[in-house]
Amino acid sequence: MSESAKLLAEAIKKSNNMVFFGGAGVSTESGIPDFRSSGGIYNQKYRYPPEQIVSHTFFVYSPEIFFEFYKEKMIYEDAKPNKAHIALAELENMGKLKAVITQNIDGLHQAAGSKNVFELHGSIHRNYCTKCGTFYGLDAIVNSKEVIPKCEKCGAIIKPDVVLYEEGLDGKVIDGSVRAIRKADTMIIGGTSLNVYPAAGLIHDFSGHTLILINKSATPADSRADIVIREPIGEVMGEAMDIVKNG
């Protein structure tokens, strides 16, 4: 067992009101690439900058290019929860973890069994007609015969319920996240560079006694953290949970 896992396990044992705040790095061990690392989506070459393609303006005026990119680079149907997702679901089931706040849109926290999940940037599993509001699951996007998925009822474009650039975050999701963070005695931040706002700003609402940061690279919150871990989050959380359950 690594020393980091032991430190994390001790913090978990002492806490009864934890909250987890995570980003793309939580899902990289499930085979989903992150955005800002050297091999991430934003550092690959496309006809247009990825940040431009996943903007509201691009969705409205160039939906075909948007959906080509979205289907190829944002949806990973075969991805499965990794040890981090599973550990968080176990902590919730134990009554220690009260909420997962995620910037990810892949739905892997729910697939692992987590129930109280605040999805700051939406989910690929929710999609709505832009005209009549009819709900569609992921199949409507993936299995669409046309590049641009259309509503079966009215023929308008179906939009993924994900937050694009130029769009605001859902107020109810923000409120729920802030309430959970303010009540927590321990906060684990994992797999995020903390460079995406306004989501990253939520951590400033934490006033509990233990702040834990698990990320491969440095973040703006390192100096505030009580414990900083540079190991892959799935590995260290999996090891920590083995200690919690067996130690």
Protein backbone atom coordinates (compact mmCIF):
# COMPACT_ATOMS: atom_id res chain seq x y z
CA MET A 1 0.00 0.00 0.00
CA SER A 2 1.28 3.49 -0.82
CA GLU A 3 1.69 6.13 1.88
CA SER A 4 -0.77 8.29 -0.04
CA ALA A 5 -3.43 5.59 0.16
CA LYS A 6 -2.85 5.26 3.90
CA LEU A 7 -3.21 9.01 4.42
CA LEU A 8 -6.37 9.06 2.34
CA ALA A 9 -7.82 6.09 4.21
CA GLU A 10 -7.20 7.73 7.59
CA ALA A 11 -8.96 10.90 6.44
CA ILE A 12 -11.90 8.87 5.17
CA LYS A 13 -12.19 6.97 8.46
CA LYS A 14 -12.35 10.23 10.43
CA SER A 15 -15.01 11.83 8.23
CA ASN A 16 -18.77 11.45 8.36
CA ASN A 17 -19.72 14.17 5.89
CA MET A 18 -17.60 14.05 2.76
CA VAL A 19 -18.11 15.63 -0.62
CA PHE A 20 -16.22 14.83 -3.82
CA PHE A 21 -15.49 17.34 -6.60
CA GLY A 22 -14.11 15.77 -9.78
CA GLY A 23 -13.11 16.44 -13.34
CA ALA A 24 -11.99 14.67 -16.50
CA GLY A 25 -9.07 12.93 -14.78
CA VAL A 26 -11.55 10.74 -12.89
CA SER A 27 -12.57 9.05 -16.14
CA THR A 28 -9.21 8.73 -17.91
CA GLU A 29 -8.69 5.33 -16.26
CA SER A 30 -11.94 4.29 -17.95
CA GLY A 31 -10.44 5.10 -21.35
CA ILE A 32 -12.01 8.54 -21.78
CA PRO A 33 -9.39 11.18 -22.70
CA ASP A 34 -9.20 14.40 -20.73
CA PHE A 35 -9.13 17.84 -22.30
CA ARG A 36 -5.97 19.71 -21.37
CA SER A 37 -3.17 17.15 -21.02
CA SER A 38 -0.64 16.64 -23.82
CA GLY A 39 -2.79 13.87 -25.31
CA GLY A 40 -6.09 15.50 -24.43
CA ILE A 41 -8.88 16.52 -26.77
CA TYR A 42 -7.90 20.20 -26.78
CA ASN A 43 -4.37 19.37 -27.96
CA GLN A 44 -5.45 17.38 -31.01
CA LYS A 45 -5.74 18.94 -34.44
CA TYR A 46 -9.13 19.57 -36.07
CA ARG A 47 -10.53 21.86 -38.72
CA TYR A 48 -11.59 24.21 -35.93
CA PRO A 49 -10.44 24.60 -32.31
CA PRO A 50 -12.38 22.13 -30.12
CA GLU A 51 -13.39 24.94 -27.77
CA GLN A 52 -15.06 26.64 -30.74
CA ILE A 53 -16.81 23.49 -31.94
CA VAL A 54 -18.41 22.83 -28.55
CA SER A 55 -19.81 26.35 -28.26
CA HIS A 56 -23.46 27.35 -28.42
CA THR A 57 -22.77 29.47 -31.50
CA PHE A 58 -21.24 26.54 -33.36
CA PHE A 59 -24.12 24.25 -32.37
CA VAL A 60 -26.62 26.74 -33.81
CA TYR A 61 -24.81 27.71 -37.01
CA SER A 62 -22.74 24.61 -37.82
CA PRO A 63 -24.67 21.70 -36.26
CA GLU A 64 -23.30 19.09 -38.67
CA ILE A 65 -19.67 19.77 -37.69
CA PHE A 66 -20.73 20.00 -34.03
CA PHE A 67 -22.36 16.56 -34.08
CA GLU A 68 -19.52 14.95 -36.03
CA PHE A 69 -17.12 16.08 -33.32
CA TYR A 70 -19.52 15.39 -30.45
CA LYS A 71 -20.22 11.81 -31.51
CA GLU A 72 -16.56 11.03 -32.17
CA LYS A 73 -14.89 12.77 -29.23
CA MET A 74 -17.47 13.24 -26.46
CA ILE A 75 -19.32 9.91 -26.38
CA TYR A 76 -17.67 6.70 -25.16
CA GLU A 77 -20.42 4.11 -24.98
CA ASP A 78 -18.13 1.24 -23.98
CA ALA A 79 -16.51 3.04 -21.05
CA LYS A 80 -17.01 1.39 -17.67
CA PRO A 81 -16.65 2.80 -14.15
CA ASN A 82 -13.13 2.50 -12.75
CA LYS A 83 -11.92 2.10 -9.17
CA ALA A 84 -12.46 5.78 -8.39
CA HIS A 85 -16.12 5.69 -9.42
CA ILE A 86 -16.65 2.45 -7.52
CA ALA A 87 -14.92 3.75 -4.37
CA LEU A 88 -17.10 6.86 -4.33
CA ALA A 89 -20.26 4.79 -4.70
CA GLU A 90 -19.11 2.59 -1.81
CA LEU A 91 -18.45 5.64 0.36
CA GLU A 92 -21.93 6.94 -0.35
CA ASN A 93 -23.39 3.54 0.50
CA MET A 94 -21.45 3.61 3.80
CA GLY A 95 -23.05 6.95 4.62
CA LYS A 96 -19.76 8.87 4.59
CA LEU A 97 -19.97 10.57 1.20
CA LYS A 98 -22.97 12.89 0.84
CA ALA A 99 -22.50 14.11 -2.74
CA VAL A 100 -20.48 13.76 -5.91
CA ILE A 101 -20.03 17.01 -7.84
CA THR A 102 -18.67 16.32 -11.30
CA GLN A 103 -17.64 18.30 -14.35
CA ASN A 104 -17.90 15.10 -16.42
CA ILE A 105 -20.79 14.29 -18.73
CA ASP A 106 -20.22 10.54 -19.10
CA GLY A 107 -22.61 9.24 -16.42
CA LEU A 108 -20.03 6.83 -14.99
CA HIS A 109 -20.68 7.87 -11.39
CA GLN A 110 -24.30 6.75 -11.70
CA ALA A 111 -23.22 3.60 -13.53
CA ALA A 112 -21.03 2.75 -10.53
CA GLY A 113 -23.96 3.20 -8.16
CA SER A 114 -23.66 6.79 -6.92
CA LYS A 115 -27.07 8.37 -6.36
CA ASN A 116 -26.53 11.96 -5.22
CA VAL A 117 -24.61 13.29 -8.23
CA PHE A 118 -24.53 16.93 -9.29
CA GLU A 119 -23.54 17.10 -12.97
CA LEU A 120 -22.27 20.64 -13.45
CA HIS A 121 -21.86 20.29 -17.20
CA GLY A 122 -24.84 18.02 -17.94
CA SER A 123 -24.91 14.50 -19.33
CA ILE A 124 -24.67 12.72 -22.68
CA HIS A 125 -27.52 10.51 -21.48
CA ARG A 126 -30.06 13.35 -21.52
CA ASN A 127 -31.11 14.97 -24.78
CA TYR A 128 -34.02 17.25 -25.66
CA CYS A 129 -35.77 18.52 -28.76
CA THR A 130 -34.93 22.19 -29.19
CA LYS A 131 -38.52 22.95 -30.21
CA CYS A 132 -41.02 20.74 -28.40
CA GLY A 133 -38.81 19.61 -25.51
CA THR A 134 -39.31 15.86 -26.01
CA PHE A 135 -36.75 13.86 -24.03
CA TYR A 136 -34.40 11.42 -25.74
CA GLY A 137 -31.77 9.04 -24.40
CA LEU A 138 -28.29 8.54 -25.78
CA ASP A 139 -29.50 6.12 -28.45
CA ALA A 140 -31.23 8.94 -30.30
CA ILE A 141 -27.87 10.61 -30.83
CA VAL A 142 -25.72 7.55 -31.44
CA ASN A 143 -28.17 5.71 -33.70
CA SER A 144 -29.44 8.68 -35.67
CA LYS A 145 -29.49 7.90 -39.41
CA GLU A 146 -28.50 11.49 -40.10
CA VAL A 147 -25.48 13.31 -38.71
CA ILE A 148 -27.83 15.82 -37.07
CA PRO A 149 -30.37 13.99 -34.87
CA LYS A 150 -33.97 15.15 -35.37
CA CYS A 151 -37.05 14.90 -33.18
CA GLU A 152 -39.49 12.18 -34.21
CA LYS A 153 -42.43 14.38 -33.24
CA CYS A 154 -41.66 17.76 -34.76
CA GLY A 155 -38.47 17.34 -36.80
CA ALA A 156 -36.43 19.92 -34.90
CA ILE A 157 -32.82 19.30 -33.82
CA ILE A 158 -32.21 17.26 -30.67
CA LYS A 159 -29.69 18.95 -28.37
CA PRO A 160 -27.57 17.09 -25.84
CA ASP A 161 -28.18 18.31 -22.30
CA VAL A 162 -24.56 19.36 -21.91
CA VAL A 163 -23.33 22.84 -21.08
CA LEU A 164 -21.61 24.31 -24.11
CA TYR A 165 -19.28 27.30 -24.14
CA GLU A 166 -21.36 30.51 -23.94
CA GLU A 167 -24.04 28.72 -21.90
CA GLY A 168 -24.64 29.10 -18.17
CA LEU A 169 -24.65 26.35 -15.58
CA ASP A 170 -27.94 25.07 -14.19
CA GLY A 171 -28.91 27.10 -11.12
CA LYS A 172 -30.42 24.16 -9.23
CA VAL A 173 -27.28 22.07 -9.77
CA ILE A 174 -25.11 24.93 -8.53
CA ASP A 175 -27.29 25.47 -5.45
CA GLY A 176 -27.25 21.78 -4.56
CA SER A 177 -23.49 21.61 -5.01
CA VAL A 178 -22.87 24.66 -2.83
CA ARG A 179 -25.10 23.34 -0.05
CA ALA A 180 -23.27 19.99 -0.05
CA ILE A 181 -19.85 21.64 -0.01
CA ARG A 182 -20.73 24.02 2.81
CA LYS A 183 -21.96 21.16 5.02
CA ALA A 184 -18.97 18.88 4.40
CA ASP A 185 -16.23 18.27 6.96
CA THR A 186 -13.96 16.71 4.29
CA MET A 187 -13.67 17.55 0.61
CA ILE A 188 -11.83 15.45 -1.95
CA ILE A 189 -10.94 17.20 -5.19
CA GLY A 190 -9.85 14.75 -7.86
CA GLY A 191 -8.87 14.60 -11.51
CA THR A 192 -9.26 18.29 -12.26
CA SER A 193 -6.89 21.13 -13.09
CA LEU A 194 -9.30 23.58 -11.44
CA ASN A 195 -8.97 25.88 -14.44
CA VAL A 196 -12.57 25.71 -15.67
CA TYR A 197 -14.80 28.41 -14.25
CA PRO A 198 -17.34 28.94 -12.83
CA ALA A 199 -17.24 25.27 -11.75
CA ALA A 200 -13.78 25.49 -10.14
CA GLY A 201 -14.90 28.44 -8.05
CA LEU A 202 -17.22 26.21 -6.06
CA ILE A 203 -14.34 24.87 -3.96
CA HIS A 204 -14.09 28.26 -2.24
CA ASP A 205 -17.35 27.43 -0.46
CA PHE A 206 -15.62 24.67 1.50
CA SER A 207 -14.84 25.53 5.12
CA GLY A 208 -14.46 22.04 6.61
CA HIS A 209 -11.38 20.68 8.34
CA THR A 210 -9.77 18.47 5.66
CA LEU A 211 -9.15 19.30 2.01
CA ILE A 212 -7.66 16.49 -0.09
CA LEU A 213 -6.39 17.04 -3.62
CA ILE A 214 -5.69 14.12 -5.97
CA ASN A 215 -4.35 15.15 -9.37
CA LYS A 216 -1.35 14.19 -11.49
CA SER A 217 -0.34 17.82 -12.05
CA ALA A 218 -0.26 20.92 -9.86
CA THR A 219 -3.43 22.97 -9.35
CA PRO A 220 -4.19 26.45 -7.99
CA ALA A 221 -5.57 24.84 -4.81
CA ASP A 222 -2.47 22.82 -3.87
CA SER A 223 -1.37 25.35 -1.24
CA ARG A 224 -4.77 25.15 0.46
CA ALA A 225 -4.91 21.36 0.62
CA ASP A 226 -4.11 19.35 3.75
CA ILE A 227 -3.22 16.31 1.65
CA VAL A 228 -1.89 16.47 -1.94
CA ILE A 229 -1.63 13.21 -3.91
CA ARG A 230 -0.02 12.96 -7.35
CA GLU A 231 -1.00 9.34 -8.11
CA PRO A 232 -3.70 8.06 -10.53
CA ILE A 233 -6.97 8.63 -8.70
CA GLY A 234 -8.45 5.21 -9.39
CA GLU A 235 -5.43 3.39 -8.03
CA VAL A 236 -5.07 5.44 -4.85
CA MET A 237 -8.79 5.49 -4.07
CA GLY A 238 -9.04 1.75 -4.68
CA GLU A 239 -6.15 1.12 -2.29
CA ALA A 240 -7.58 3.51 0.30
CA MET A 241 -10.96 1.78 0.23
CA ASP A 242 -9.30 -1.60 0.76
CA ILE A 243 -7.73 -0.16 3.93
CA VAL A 244 -11.02 1.40 5.07
CA LYS A 245 -12.95 -1.84 4.59
CA ASN A 246 -10.31 -4.22 5.91
CA GLY A 247 -8.16 -2.17 8.25
